[in-house]
Structure formats: C-alpha cells, structure tokens
N, C-alpha and C. Protein backbone atom coordinates (compact mmCIF):
# COMPACT_ATOMS: atom_id res chain seq x y z
N VAL A 1 6.77 49.89 125.57
CA VAL A 1 7.06 51.04 124.69
C VAL A 1 7.26 52.27 125.54
N GLY A 2 6.40 52.45 126.53
CA GLY A 2 6.55 53.63 127.40
C GLY A 2 7.86 53.63 128.12
N VAL A 3 8.28 52.42 128.55
CA VAL A 3 9.58 52.34 129.25
C VAL A 3 10.69 52.68 128.29
N LEU A 4 10.62 52.19 127.12
CA LEU A 4 11.66 52.47 126.13
C LEU A 4 11.70 53.95 125.80
N ALA A 5 10.57 54.59 125.72
CA ALA A 5 10.53 56.02 125.41
C ALA A 5 11.17 56.82 126.52
N ASP A 6 10.88 56.45 127.78
CA ASP A 6 11.50 57.16 128.91
C ASP A 6 13.03 57.00 128.91
N THR A 7 13.40 55.78 128.57
CA THR A 7 14.85 55.51 128.54
C THR A 7 15.55 56.36 127.48
N VAL A 8 14.95 56.48 126.33
CA VAL A 8 15.54 57.29 125.23
C VAL A 8 15.60 58.74 125.63
N VAL A 9 14.57 59.21 126.28
CA VAL A 9 14.55 60.64 126.70
C VAL A 9 15.63 60.89 127.71
N SER A 10 15.78 59.95 128.67
CA SER A 10 16.82 60.14 129.69
C SER A 10 18.20 60.09 129.06
N LEU A 11 18.39 59.27 128.07
CA LEU A 11 19.69 59.20 127.41
C LEU A 11 19.99 60.52 126.65
N GLU A 12 18.97 61.07 126.01
CA GLU A 12 19.17 62.34 125.29
C GLU A 12 19.55 63.44 126.26
N LYS A 13 18.85 63.48 127.44
CA LYS A 13 19.19 64.50 128.42
C LYS A 13 20.62 64.33 128.91
N GLY A 14 21.01 63.08 129.14
CA GLY A 14 22.37 62.83 129.61
C GLY A 14 23.42 63.22 128.57
N LEU A 15 23.13 63.09 127.32
CA LEU A 15 24.10 63.46 126.27
C LEU A 15 24.13 64.97 126.05
N ILE A 16 23.01 65.63 126.17
CA ILE A 16 22.94 67.08 125.91
C ILE A 16 23.65 67.87 126.99
N GLN A 17 23.53 67.53 128.28
CA GLN A 17 24.13 68.28 129.38
C GLN A 17 25.66 68.30 129.27
N PRO A 18 26.36 67.17 129.02
CA PRO A 18 27.84 67.27 128.86
C PRO A 18 28.25 68.12 127.68
N THR A 19 27.49 68.12 126.64
CA THR A 19 27.84 68.93 125.46
C THR A 19 27.75 70.42 125.78
N LYS A 20 26.73 70.84 126.54
CA LYS A 20 26.58 72.25 126.91
C LYS A 20 27.72 72.70 127.82
N SER A 21 28.10 71.87 128.77
CA SER A 21 29.19 72.25 129.70
C SER A 21 30.51 72.36 128.95
N ALA A 22 30.73 71.42 128.01
CA ALA A 22 31.97 71.47 127.23
C ALA A 22 32.01 72.72 126.37
N THR A 23 30.87 73.09 125.84
CA THR A 23 30.82 74.30 125.00
C THR A 23 31.14 75.53 125.83
N LYS A 24 30.58 75.61 127.08
CA LYS A 24 30.87 76.73 127.96
C LYS A 24 32.37 76.81 128.29
N GLU A 25 32.96 75.66 128.58
CA GLU A 25 34.39 75.65 128.92
C GLU A 25 35.23 76.12 127.74
N VAL A 26 34.87 75.67 126.53
CA VAL A 26 35.63 76.09 125.34
C VAL A 26 35.49 77.59 125.12
N ALA A 27 34.25 78.12 125.33
CA ALA A 27 34.04 79.56 125.16
C ALA A 27 34.84 80.35 126.17
N ASN A 28 34.84 79.87 127.44
CA ASN A 28 35.64 80.57 128.46
C ASN A 28 37.13 80.55 128.12
N GLY A 29 37.65 79.42 127.64
CA GLY A 29 39.07 79.33 127.26
C GLY A 29 39.41 80.27 126.11
N ALA A 30 38.50 80.34 125.16
CA ALA A 30 38.75 81.25 124.02
C ALA A 30 38.76 82.69 124.45
N ARG A 31 37.86 83.03 125.41
CA ARG A 31 37.83 84.39 125.90
C ARG A 31 39.12 84.74 126.65
N VAL A 32 39.62 83.81 127.45
CA VAL A 32 40.88 84.05 128.19
C VAL A 32 42.05 84.21 127.22
N VAL A 33 42.08 83.36 126.20
CA VAL A 33 43.16 83.46 125.21
C VAL A 33 43.11 84.79 124.47
N SER A 34 41.87 85.23 124.15
CA SER A 34 41.73 86.52 123.46
C SER A 34 42.22 87.66 124.33
N GLN A 35 41.90 87.60 125.64
CA GLN A 35 42.38 88.64 126.55
C GLN A 35 43.91 88.67 126.61
N HIS A 36 44.53 87.49 126.71
CA HIS A 36 46.00 87.42 126.74
C HIS A 36 46.61 87.97 125.45
N VAL A 37 45.98 87.67 124.33
CA VAL A 37 46.50 88.17 123.05
C VAL A 37 46.42 89.68 122.99
N LYS A 38 45.27 90.24 123.48
CA LYS A 38 45.14 91.69 123.47
C LYS A 38 46.19 92.35 124.36
N ALA A 39 46.39 91.77 125.56
CA ALA A 39 47.39 92.34 126.47
C ALA A 39 48.79 92.28 125.87
N THR A 40 49.11 91.15 125.26
CA THR A 40 50.45 91.02 124.65
C THR A 40 50.62 91.99 123.50
N THR A 41 49.55 92.15 122.71
CA THR A 41 49.63 93.08 121.57
C THR A 41 49.83 94.51 122.03
N SER A 42 49.10 94.94 123.08
CA SER A 42 49.25 96.31 123.60
C SER A 42 50.65 96.53 124.18
N THR A 43 51.16 95.50 124.88
CA THR A 43 52.51 95.62 125.44
C THR A 43 53.55 95.75 124.33
N ALA A 44 53.40 94.93 123.30
CA ALA A 44 54.34 95.00 122.19
C ALA A 44 54.26 96.35 121.47
N THR A 45 53.05 96.89 121.35
CA THR A 45 52.88 98.20 120.69
C THR A 45 53.55 99.31 121.49
N LYS A 46 53.33 99.28 122.83
CA LYS A 46 53.97 100.28 123.69
C LYS A 46 55.50 100.20 123.62
N ALA A 47 56.01 98.96 123.66
CA ALA A 47 57.47 98.78 123.59
C ALA A 47 58.02 99.29 122.27
N ALA A 48 57.27 99.04 121.20
CA ALA A 48 57.72 99.52 119.88
C ALA A 48 57.73 101.04 119.83
N LYS A 49 56.69 101.67 120.44
CA LYS A 49 56.65 103.13 120.46
C LYS A 49 57.82 103.70 121.25
N HIS A 50 58.08 103.12 122.44
CA HIS A 50 59.21 103.59 123.24
C HIS A 50 60.53 103.39 122.51
N ALA A 51 60.68 102.25 121.86
CA ALA A 51 61.92 101.97 121.13
C ALA A 51 62.11 102.96 119.98
N SER A 52 61.01 103.27 119.28
CA SER A 52 61.13 104.23 118.18
C SER A 52 61.49 105.62 118.70
N LYS A 53 60.90 106.02 119.87
CA LYS A 53 61.24 107.32 120.46
C LYS A 53 62.72 107.36 120.87
N ASP A 54 63.19 106.29 121.51
CA ASP A 54 64.60 106.26 121.91
C ASP A 54 65.52 106.28 120.70
N ALA A 55 65.17 105.54 119.66
CA ALA A 55 66.00 105.53 118.45
C ALA A 55 66.02 106.91 117.80
N ALA A 56 64.86 107.60 117.82
CA ALA A 56 64.81 108.95 117.24
C ALA A 56 65.69 109.91 118.05
N LYS A 57 65.65 109.82 119.40
CA LYS A 57 66.50 110.67 120.24
C LYS A 57 67.97 110.40 119.98
N ILE A 58 68.33 109.12 119.92
CA ILE A 58 69.74 108.76 119.67
C ILE A 58 70.19 109.29 118.32
N ALA A 59 69.36 109.13 117.31
CA ALA A 59 69.72 109.63 115.98
C ALA A 59 69.85 111.15 115.98
N HIS A 60 68.94 111.85 116.70
CA HIS A 60 69.02 113.31 116.76
C HIS A 60 70.30 113.77 117.45
N ASN A 61 70.61 113.12 118.58
CA ASN A 61 71.84 113.48 119.30
C ASN A 61 73.09 113.20 118.45
N ALA A 62 73.08 112.07 117.76
CA ALA A 62 74.23 111.75 116.91
C ALA A 62 74.38 112.77 115.78
N THR A 63 73.28 113.18 115.20
CA THR A 63 73.33 114.19 114.13
C THR A 63 73.85 115.53 114.64
N ARG A 64 73.36 115.93 115.84
CA ARG A 64 73.80 117.19 116.43
C ARG A 64 75.30 117.17 116.73
N ASP A 65 75.78 116.05 117.34
CA ASP A 65 77.21 115.94 117.64
C ASP A 65 78.06 115.95 116.37
N ALA A 66 77.59 115.27 115.34
CA ALA A 66 78.33 115.25 114.07
C ALA A 66 78.40 116.65 113.46
N ALA A 67 77.29 117.41 113.56
CA ALA A 67 77.30 118.77 113.01
C ALA A 67 78.26 119.66 113.78
N ARG A 68 78.28 119.55 115.12
CA ARG A 68 79.22 120.34 115.92
C ARG A 68 80.66 119.98 115.59
N THR A 69 80.94 118.69 115.48
CA THR A 69 82.30 118.27 115.14
C THR A 69 82.72 118.78 113.77
N ALA A 70 81.79 118.74 112.82
CA ALA A 70 82.11 119.23 111.47
C ALA A 70 82.39 120.73 111.49
N ARG A 71 81.61 121.50 112.27
CA ARG A 71 81.86 122.94 112.36
C ARG A 71 83.21 123.23 113.00
N GLY A 72 83.54 122.49 114.08
CA GLY A 72 84.85 122.69 114.71
C GLY A 72 86.00 122.36 113.77
N LEU A 73 85.86 121.26 113.02
CA LEU A 73 86.91 120.89 112.07
C LEU A 73 87.04 121.92 110.96
N SER A 74 85.92 122.45 110.49
CA SER A 74 86.00 123.46 109.43
C SER A 74 86.68 124.73 109.94
N ARG A 75 86.38 125.14 111.18
CA ARG A 75 87.05 126.31 111.74
C ARG A 75 88.54 126.09 111.89
N ALA A 76 88.91 124.91 112.42
CA ALA A 76 90.33 124.61 112.57
C ALA A 76 91.04 124.57 111.22
N ALA A 77 90.36 124.00 110.22
CA ALA A 77 90.97 123.95 108.89
C ALA A 77 91.13 125.35 108.31
N SER A 78 90.14 126.23 108.56
CA SER A 78 90.25 127.61 108.06
C SER A 78 91.42 128.33 108.72
N LYS A 79 91.56 128.18 110.06
CA LYS A 79 92.69 128.80 110.76
C LYS A 79 94.02 128.27 110.25
N ALA A 80 94.10 126.95 110.09
CA ALA A 80 95.35 126.36 109.60
C ALA A 80 95.68 126.86 108.20
N ALA A 81 94.65 126.97 107.35
CA ALA A 81 94.89 127.47 106.00
C ALA A 81 95.37 128.91 106.03
N GLY A 82 94.79 129.74 106.92
CA GLY A 82 95.25 131.13 107.04
C GLY A 82 96.68 131.21 107.52
N SER A 83 97.04 130.37 108.52
CA SER A 83 98.42 130.38 109.02
C SER A 83 99.40 129.94 107.94
N VAL A 84 99.01 128.89 107.19
CA VAL A 84 99.89 128.41 106.12
C VAL A 84 100.06 129.48 105.04
N ALA A 85 98.97 130.17 104.71
CA ALA A 85 99.06 131.23 103.69
C ALA A 85 99.95 132.37 104.16
N ALA A 86 99.82 132.76 105.45
CA ALA A 86 100.67 133.83 105.98
C ALA A 86 102.13 133.42 105.99
N ALA A 87 102.40 132.16 106.41
CA ALA A 87 103.78 131.68 106.41
C ALA A 87 104.35 131.63 105.00
N ALA A 88 103.53 131.18 104.05
CA ALA A 88 104.00 131.13 102.66
C ALA A 88 104.29 132.53 102.13
N THR A 89 103.46 133.49 102.51
CA THR A 89 103.69 134.87 102.06
C THR A 89 104.98 135.43 102.64
N SER A 90 105.21 135.19 103.96
CA SER A 90 106.45 135.68 104.57
C SER A 90 107.67 135.01 103.98
N VAL A 91 107.57 133.69 103.73
CA VAL A 91 108.72 132.99 103.13
C VAL A 91 109.00 133.49 101.73
N ALA A 92 107.93 133.75 100.96
CA ALA A 92 108.12 134.27 99.60
C ALA A 92 108.75 135.65 99.63
N ALA A 93 108.29 136.49 100.58
CA ALA A 93 108.88 137.83 100.69
C ALA A 93 110.34 137.76 101.09
N ALA A 94 110.66 136.86 102.05
CA ALA A 94 112.06 136.72 102.47
C ALA A 94 112.93 136.21 101.34
N SER A 95 112.43 135.21 100.60
CA SER A 95 113.22 134.68 99.49
C SER A 95 113.41 135.73 98.40
N ALA A 96 112.36 136.53 98.17
CA ALA A 96 112.48 137.59 97.16
C ALA A 96 113.49 138.64 97.58
N SER A 97 113.48 139.00 98.88
CA SER A 97 114.45 139.99 99.36
C SER A 97 115.87 139.45 99.31
N ARG A 98 116.04 138.14 99.56
CA ARG A 98 117.38 137.54 99.51
C ARG A 98 117.88 137.40 98.07
N SER A 99 116.94 137.08 97.17
CA SER A 99 117.35 136.86 95.79
C SER A 99 117.56 138.17 95.03
N THR A 100 117.14 139.30 95.61
CA THR A 100 117.31 140.60 94.95
C THR A 100 118.20 141.47 95.82
N PRO A 101 119.52 141.38 95.72
CA PRO A 101 120.41 142.19 96.54
C PRO A 101 120.36 143.65 96.10
N ALA A 102 120.76 144.53 97.01
CA ALA A 102 120.78 145.96 96.70
C ALA A 102 121.81 146.26 95.63
N ALA A 103 121.51 147.29 94.81
CA ALA A 103 122.39 147.60 93.69
C ALA A 103 123.72 148.16 94.14
N ASP A 104 123.71 148.88 95.27
CA ASP A 104 124.94 149.51 95.71
C ASP A 104 125.67 148.71 96.78
N SER A 105 125.18 147.53 97.14
CA SER A 105 125.85 146.74 98.17
C SER A 105 126.85 145.81 97.51
N PRO A 106 128.10 145.80 97.96
CA PRO A 106 129.12 144.93 97.38
C PRO A 106 128.91 143.49 97.80
N PRO A 107 129.47 142.54 97.10
CA PRO A 107 129.30 141.13 97.46
C PRO A 107 129.94 140.83 98.81
N LYS A 108 129.29 139.94 99.54
CA LYS A 108 129.78 139.57 100.86
C LYS A 108 130.83 138.47 100.76
N THR A 109 131.83 138.57 101.61
CA THR A 109 132.87 137.56 101.70
C THR A 109 132.89 137.00 103.10
N SER A 110 133.59 135.89 103.30
CA SER A 110 133.61 135.26 104.61
C SER A 110 135.03 134.93 105.08
N PRO A 111 135.98 135.85 105.03
CA PRO A 111 137.27 135.59 105.67
C PRO A 111 137.18 135.83 107.16
N SER A 112 138.33 135.74 107.85
CA SER A 112 138.36 135.96 109.28
C SER A 112 138.06 137.42 109.58
N PRO A 113 137.59 137.73 110.84
CA PRO A 113 137.22 139.11 111.13
C PRO A 113 138.34 140.11 110.94
N ALA A 114 139.61 139.72 111.21
CA ALA A 114 140.71 140.67 111.08
C ALA A 114 141.06 140.94 109.63
N ARG A 115 140.63 140.09 108.68
CA ARG A 115 140.97 140.25 107.27
C ARG A 115 139.81 140.74 106.42
N LYS A 116 138.69 141.11 107.03
CA LYS A 116 137.52 141.53 106.28
C LYS A 116 137.47 143.04 106.09
N LEU A 117 138.57 143.71 106.28
CA LEU A 117 138.60 145.16 106.19
C LEU A 117 139.14 145.57 104.83
N ALA A 118 138.28 146.14 104.00
CA ALA A 118 138.70 146.55 102.67
C ALA A 118 139.54 147.81 102.77
N PRO A 119 140.38 148.09 101.77
CA PRO A 119 141.19 149.32 101.79
C PRO A 119 140.30 150.55 101.85
N ALA A 120 140.72 151.50 102.67
CA ALA A 120 139.95 152.72 102.87
C ALA A 120 140.69 153.90 102.30
N ALA A 121 140.01 155.02 102.26
CA ALA A 121 140.61 156.23 101.73
C ALA A 121 141.54 156.87 102.76
N ALA A 122 142.08 158.02 102.41
CA ALA A 122 143.02 158.70 103.31
C ALA A 122 142.30 159.11 104.57
N PRO A 123 143.00 159.18 105.70
CA PRO A 123 142.34 159.52 106.96
C PRO A 123 141.81 160.94 106.94
N SER A 124 140.65 161.11 107.60
CA SER A 124 140.05 162.43 107.69
C SER A 124 139.71 162.82 109.11
N ASP A 125 140.04 161.92 110.11
CA ASP A 125 139.68 162.18 111.50
C ASP A 125 140.78 163.03 112.14
N ASP A 126 140.85 164.29 111.79
CA ASP A 126 141.84 165.21 112.33
C ASP A 126 141.23 165.97 113.50
N ALA A 127 142.06 166.79 114.15
CA ALA A 127 141.60 167.55 115.31
C ALA A 127 140.81 168.77 114.91
N LYS A 128 140.47 168.89 113.62
CA LYS A 128 139.72 170.07 113.19
C LYS A 128 138.24 169.95 113.51
N ALA A 129 137.80 168.78 113.95
CA ALA A 129 136.38 168.60 114.26
C ALA A 129 136.24 168.19 115.71
N PRO A 130 136.32 169.11 116.65
CA PRO A 130 136.29 168.75 118.06
C PRO A 130 134.95 168.18 118.52
N GLU A 131 133.90 168.31 117.67
CA GLU A 131 132.63 167.77 118.10
C GLU A 131 132.60 166.25 118.03
N ARG A 132 133.54 165.64 117.38
CA ARG A 132 133.60 164.18 117.31
C ARG A 132 134.14 163.64 118.63
N PHE A 133 133.59 162.54 119.05
CA PHE A 133 133.92 161.96 120.36
C PHE A 133 135.23 161.19 120.26
N VAL A 134 136.09 161.36 121.25
CA VAL A 134 137.38 160.67 121.31
C VAL A 134 137.27 159.56 122.34
N HIS A 135 137.51 158.32 121.89
CA HIS A 135 137.50 157.16 122.78
C HIS A 135 138.95 156.86 123.15
N GLY A 136 139.45 157.59 124.14
CA GLY A 136 140.86 157.47 124.50
C GLY A 136 141.23 156.16 125.14
N ARG A 137 140.29 155.37 125.58
CA ARG A 137 140.59 154.10 126.24
C ARG A 137 140.54 152.91 125.29
N HIS A 138 140.22 153.15 124.03
CA HIS A 138 139.97 152.03 123.12
C HIS A 138 140.81 152.15 121.86
N THR A 139 141.12 151.00 121.26
CA THR A 139 141.88 150.89 120.02
C THR A 139 141.06 150.11 119.01
N CYS A 140 141.08 150.53 117.78
CA CYS A 140 140.36 149.81 116.72
C CYS A 140 141.05 148.49 116.45
N ASP A 141 140.32 147.40 116.53
CA ASP A 141 140.89 146.07 116.27
C ASP A 141 140.98 145.76 114.79
N GLY A 142 140.53 146.68 113.93
CA GLY A 142 140.67 146.47 112.49
C GLY A 142 141.94 147.11 111.95
N CYS A 143 142.09 148.41 112.17
CA CYS A 143 143.27 149.12 111.66
C CYS A 143 144.27 149.44 112.76
N ARG A 144 143.96 149.10 114.02
CA ARG A 144 144.85 149.29 115.17
C ARG A 144 145.12 150.76 115.48
N CYS A 145 144.29 151.67 115.00
CA CYS A 145 144.49 153.08 115.32
C CYS A 145 143.98 153.35 116.73
N THR A 146 144.69 154.26 117.41
CA THR A 146 144.31 154.63 118.75
C THR A 146 144.59 156.11 118.95
N PRO A 147 143.69 156.86 119.55
CA PRO A 147 142.37 156.43 120.02
C PRO A 147 141.37 156.36 118.87
N ILE A 148 140.20 155.79 119.15
CA ILE A 148 139.12 155.78 118.17
C ILE A 148 138.40 157.12 118.24
N ILE A 149 138.35 157.82 117.11
CA ILE A 149 137.71 159.13 117.05
C ILE A 149 136.43 159.01 116.25
N GLY A 150 135.36 159.55 116.82
CA GLY A 150 134.05 159.43 116.18
C GLY A 150 133.25 158.33 116.85
N ARG A 151 132.49 157.63 116.10
CA ARG A 151 131.66 156.56 116.66
C ARG A 151 132.49 155.30 116.85
N ARG A 152 132.29 154.64 117.99
CA ARG A 152 132.97 153.37 118.29
C ARG A 152 131.93 152.26 118.26
N PHE A 153 132.21 151.23 117.47
CA PHE A 153 131.30 150.11 117.32
C PHE A 153 131.87 148.92 118.08
N HIS A 154 131.14 148.52 119.12
CA HIS A 154 131.59 147.44 120.00
C HIS A 154 130.85 146.15 119.66
N ALA A 155 131.60 145.04 119.53
CA ALA A 155 131.00 143.73 119.23
C ALA A 155 130.31 143.20 120.48
N VAL A 156 129.06 142.81 120.34
CA VAL A 156 128.28 142.36 121.49
C VAL A 156 128.35 140.85 121.69
N ASN A 157 128.80 140.11 120.68
CA ASN A 157 128.83 138.66 120.82
C ASN A 157 130.23 138.10 121.05
N ILE A 158 131.26 138.95 121.11
CA ILE A 158 132.60 138.52 121.52
C ILE A 158 133.15 139.56 122.46
N ASP A 159 134.19 139.20 123.19
CA ASP A 159 134.75 140.10 124.19
C ASP A 159 135.84 140.98 123.58
N ASP A 160 135.81 142.26 123.97
CA ASP A 160 136.89 143.22 123.71
C ASP A 160 137.23 143.28 122.22
N TYR A 161 136.25 143.65 121.42
CA TYR A 161 136.47 143.84 119.99
C TYR A 161 135.72 145.09 119.57
N ASP A 162 136.49 146.10 119.09
CA ASP A 162 135.91 147.39 118.70
C ASP A 162 136.41 147.77 117.31
N LEU A 163 135.58 148.52 116.61
CA LEU A 163 135.93 149.03 115.29
C LEU A 163 135.61 150.52 115.22
N CYS A 164 136.43 151.24 114.44
CA CYS A 164 136.15 152.64 114.19
C CYS A 164 135.08 152.74 113.09
N GLU A 165 134.70 153.98 112.76
CA GLU A 165 133.66 154.17 111.76
C GLU A 165 134.07 153.63 110.40
N ARG A 166 135.33 153.88 110.00
CA ARG A 166 135.78 153.46 108.68
C ARG A 166 135.84 151.94 108.58
N CYS A 167 136.40 151.30 109.59
CA CYS A 167 136.51 149.84 109.54
C CYS A 167 135.13 149.18 109.66
N PHE A 168 134.23 149.78 110.43
CA PHE A 168 132.88 149.23 110.51
C PHE A 168 132.16 149.36 109.16
N GLY A 169 132.39 150.47 108.45
CA GLY A 169 131.80 150.62 107.13
C GLY A 169 132.35 149.64 106.12
N ASN A 170 133.61 149.20 106.31
CA ASN A 170 134.22 148.24 105.40
C ASN A 170 133.98 146.79 105.80
N TYR A 171 133.37 146.57 106.97
CA TYR A 171 133.13 145.20 107.44
C TYR A 171 131.97 144.58 106.66
N ARG A 172 132.21 143.42 106.07
CA ARG A 172 131.20 142.74 105.24
C ARG A 172 130.74 141.41 105.84
N GLY A 173 131.15 141.09 107.04
CA GLY A 173 130.78 139.80 107.62
C GLY A 173 129.39 139.85 108.25
N GLU A 174 128.98 138.70 108.74
CA GLU A 174 127.66 138.58 109.36
C GLU A 174 127.74 137.94 110.74
N GLU A 175 128.89 137.36 111.12
CA GLU A 175 128.95 136.65 112.38
C GLU A 175 129.14 137.57 113.58
N LEU A 176 129.57 138.81 113.36
CA LEU A 176 129.76 139.76 114.45
C LEU A 176 128.61 140.76 114.47
N LYS A 177 128.09 141.02 115.65
CA LYS A 177 127.03 141.99 115.84
C LYS A 177 127.60 143.18 116.62
N PHE A 178 127.39 144.39 116.10
CA PHE A 178 127.98 145.59 116.69
C PHE A 178 126.88 146.54 117.17
N GLU A 179 127.27 147.37 118.14
CA GLU A 179 126.43 148.46 118.58
C GLU A 179 127.31 149.67 118.86
N SER A 180 126.78 150.84 118.59
CA SER A 180 127.52 152.07 118.82
C SER A 180 127.52 152.40 120.31
N VAL A 181 128.74 152.54 120.89
CA VAL A 181 128.88 152.71 122.33
C VAL A 181 129.67 153.99 122.59
N GLN A 182 129.25 154.70 123.61
CA GLN A 182 129.95 155.91 124.05
C GLN A 182 129.85 155.99 125.56
N LEU A 183 131.00 155.94 126.24
CA LEU A 183 131.02 155.95 127.69
C LEU A 183 130.81 157.35 128.23
N GLU A 184 129.96 157.45 129.24
CA GLU A 184 129.68 158.76 129.82
C GLU A 184 130.88 159.30 130.59
N ARG A 185 131.68 158.40 131.18
CA ARG A 185 132.83 158.86 131.97
C ARG A 185 133.91 159.46 131.08
N ASP A 186 133.90 159.16 129.78
CA ASP A 186 134.90 159.72 128.88
C ASP A 186 134.55 161.13 128.41
N ALA A 187 133.31 161.58 128.68
CA ALA A 187 132.92 162.91 128.22
C ALA A 187 133.71 164.01 128.94
N LYS A 188 134.10 163.76 130.19
CA LYS A 188 134.86 164.77 130.94
C LYS A 188 136.29 164.91 130.46
N LEU A 189 136.79 163.92 129.74
CA LEU A 189 138.19 163.91 129.31
C LEU A 189 138.36 164.30 127.85
N GLN A 190 137.33 164.82 127.20
CA GLN A 190 137.41 165.11 125.78
C GLN A 190 138.44 166.19 125.47
N ALA A 191 138.49 167.26 126.28
CA ALA A 191 139.46 168.34 126.01
C ALA A 191 140.89 167.83 126.11
N ARG A 192 141.18 167.05 127.14
CA ARG A 192 142.54 166.52 127.30
C ARG A 192 142.89 165.57 126.17
N TRP A 193 141.96 164.69 125.81
CA TRP A 193 142.28 163.73 124.75
C TRP A 193 142.38 164.40 123.40
N TRP A 194 141.60 165.45 123.15
CA TRP A 194 141.76 166.17 121.88
C TRP A 194 143.12 166.87 121.82
N HIS A 195 143.55 167.43 122.92
CA HIS A 195 144.88 168.05 122.95
C HIS A 195 145.97 167.01 122.69
N ARG A 196 145.83 165.84 123.30
CA ARG A 196 146.83 164.76 123.07
C ARG A 196 146.80 164.31 121.62
N HIS A 197 145.62 164.22 121.04
CA HIS A 197 145.52 163.80 119.65
C HIS A 197 146.16 164.83 118.71
N ARG A 198 145.95 166.12 118.99
CA ARG A 198 146.59 167.15 118.15
C ARG A 198 148.10 167.06 118.24
N CYS A 199 148.63 166.84 119.44
CA CYS A 199 150.09 166.71 119.58
C CYS A 199 150.61 165.53 118.78
N ARG A 200 149.89 164.41 118.80
CA ARG A 200 150.31 163.26 118.01
C ARG A 200 150.29 163.57 116.52
N GLN A 201 149.27 164.26 116.08
CA GLN A 201 149.21 164.61 114.66
C GLN A 201 150.35 165.53 114.26
N ASN A 202 150.68 166.47 115.13
CA ASN A 202 151.79 167.38 114.82
C ASN A 202 153.11 166.62 114.78
N ARG A 203 153.33 165.71 115.71
CA ARG A 203 154.57 164.93 115.69
C ARG A 203 154.64 164.05 114.45
N LEU A 204 153.48 163.53 114.04
CA LEU A 204 153.45 162.70 112.83
C LEU A 204 153.81 163.52 111.60
N ARG A 205 153.32 164.73 111.52
CA ARG A 205 153.64 165.58 110.37
C ARG A 205 155.12 165.97 110.36
N ARG A 206 155.71 166.16 111.55
CA ARG A 206 157.12 166.50 111.62
C ARG A 206 158.03 165.29 111.50
N GLY A 207 157.45 164.08 111.51
CA GLY A 207 158.25 162.87 111.33
C GLY A 207 158.87 162.36 112.60
N ARG A 208 158.43 162.82 113.78
CA ARG A 208 159.01 162.35 115.02
C ARG A 208 158.41 161.01 115.46
N GLY A 209 157.33 160.66 114.87
CA GLY A 209 156.76 159.36 115.21
C GLY A 209 155.48 159.48 116.01
N ALA A 210 154.46 158.91 115.51
CA ALA A 210 153.17 158.83 116.21
C ALA A 210 152.40 157.66 115.62
N ARG A 211 151.44 157.18 116.34
CA ARG A 211 150.63 156.06 115.88
C ARG A 211 149.28 156.58 115.41
N ASN A 212 148.97 156.26 114.19
CA ASN A 212 147.67 156.70 113.65
C ASN A 212 147.28 155.77 112.50
N CYS A 213 145.99 155.70 112.22
CA CYS A 213 145.49 154.86 111.12
C CYS A 213 145.74 155.59 109.80
N ASN A 214 146.41 154.88 108.85
CA ASN A 214 146.65 155.49 107.54
C ASN A 214 145.58 155.13 106.53
N GLY A 215 144.51 154.47 107.00
CA GLY A 215 143.36 154.24 106.13
C GLY A 215 143.41 152.97 105.33
N ASN A 216 144.48 152.18 105.40
CA ASN A 216 144.53 150.94 104.62
C ASN A 216 144.73 149.72 105.51
N GLY A 217 144.27 149.83 106.77
CA GLY A 217 144.36 148.67 107.64
C GLY A 217 145.71 148.51 108.30
N ARG A 218 146.62 149.51 108.25
CA ARG A 218 147.94 149.41 108.87
C ARG A 218 148.13 150.57 109.83
N THR A 219 148.95 150.33 110.84
CA THR A 219 149.29 151.36 111.80
C THR A 219 150.69 151.87 111.50
N VAL A 220 150.82 153.18 111.35
CA VAL A 220 152.10 153.79 111.01
C VAL A 220 152.72 154.32 112.29
N ASN A 221 153.97 153.97 112.54
CA ASN A 221 154.70 154.43 113.71
C ASN A 221 155.92 155.20 113.22
N GLY A 222 155.93 156.55 113.39
CA GLY A 222 157.06 157.36 112.95
C GLY A 222 156.97 157.69 111.50
N ASN A 223 158.11 157.64 110.78
CA ASN A 223 158.17 158.02 109.37
C ASN A 223 157.46 156.99 108.51
N ASN A 224 156.65 157.46 107.58
CA ASN A 224 155.91 156.55 106.70
C ASN A 224 156.83 155.80 105.76
N ASN A 225 158.02 156.31 105.49
CA ASN A 225 158.92 155.64 104.56
C ASN A 225 159.73 154.53 105.20
N ASN A 226 159.69 154.43 106.54
CA ASN A 226 160.46 153.41 107.24
C ASN A 226 159.61 152.15 107.33
N ASN A 227 159.97 151.15 106.53
CA ASN A 227 159.17 149.92 106.52
C ASN A 227 159.33 149.09 107.76
N ASN A 228 160.44 149.32 108.49
CA ASN A 228 160.65 148.53 109.69
C ASN A 228 159.72 148.93 110.82
N ASN A 229 159.13 150.14 110.73
CA ASN A 229 158.26 150.63 111.78
C ASN A 229 156.80 150.40 111.46
N ARG A 230 156.50 149.61 110.45
CA ARG A 230 155.12 149.30 110.11
C ARG A 230 154.72 147.96 110.74
N THR A 231 153.55 147.97 111.32
CA THR A 231 153.01 146.73 111.90
C THR A 231 151.64 146.48 111.33
N ALA A 232 151.35 145.20 111.00
CA ALA A 232 150.08 144.87 110.37
C ALA A 232 148.98 145.01 111.39
C-alpha cells in the first residue's frame, strides 16, 4: 500500500508540472499578442489622424482655389458685361443718328464725282472782295472755273482734284475726302492775280471772251449767247 501511495503521488506531481508550464507559455503568448494588437491599433490611429489632417488640408486648398477662380470669373463677367453695354449704347446712338437725318440736309445721291454738282446760283466771286484768296495755279474740277477764288478744297484720297467753295457746298458724295488748302507761296502773288482776274471780268462784260464759272457747272468762254464756245 505504501508503495502504491508513493507511486500515485509521483504520478500526480508529474502531471501537475507539465500543466503549470503549459499555462505559463499560454499566458506569455497571450501577453505578446496583446502587445502586438496595441501597437497595431496605435499605428492605425496615428495613420487615420494624419490622413484626416491631409484630407482637411486638401479640401481647404481646393475650396480656396475654387473661391479665387469664382471671384476672377465674376470680375471678368462684369467687365465683359460693361463692354457689351457700352458697345450696345454706341451702336444704338449711331443707328439713331443714321435713322434721323437732318431736316435741312438734302438726300444723298451716288453718281460719279464730276456729275454730283447741283445747279448753283449766279456767281458772286467778283474782284470787289480782295480779301478772298486767289488760287491762280488751280482750276475747279467741278465747274472748271479758273482761278479758284476763296477757299480751295483739295481731295486727299485722289490725286489732283480740287473744288471751289460753291462746288464743294453742292457736293453730296461720301467717297471723296476734302481739306481746305492755301499755299503760302501764293500769298505774294495775290495783287497780281487779283489784277488779272479784274481784267478777265472786264473782258467778259464787254464780250471779248474770258473764262469764268457761270454757277451751273459750265465754263463760259467769250459771249454767253455763243453755244459753240461752251464746254461742259
């Protein structure tokens, strides 16, 4: 019996020692796993925080850029609207001015430049007004009178085309642009040219023949009753 009791005790000791060691190993493994889980959880939390911060920065930058772009577009749209309104106002004013012609302006015609001269009144450019400038080097291309007395209107967009005051007043075209021209070198010859013009007027009155504008677009040479001496 004593031997059997010793044997049972030794067997119990042998069974208890492996159980204690296995329990220690399991506890150590659980502790290691818990540590790994804590480390992984903290790493994941930090990564989530950094990701949220980066996402917030990206969203803030995107919002700021969108606001700047919207402000720039609104300014450009305002400028464009102002330009369009100004252009519309100018076009409306121009159309209104074109659609409302002046009451005293005659209708415009478009014949050739030599035929756009309406009939004029009797000539009044006599030698009684010496203050008027005599253009002794030029002939009116409308009525062919020479010299041009008074203001001479020279065409700037074609060569060698001049009109006297009467023909310029009767000109209704738009394709020719004129400017009033007076040569300084002709100022010294005014006395001589006025004397020559008076002699021509006297010869014309006596019927000896002179060239002068009769006011209706024709040049009279000599007697007014002689049709053979008229040139268009």
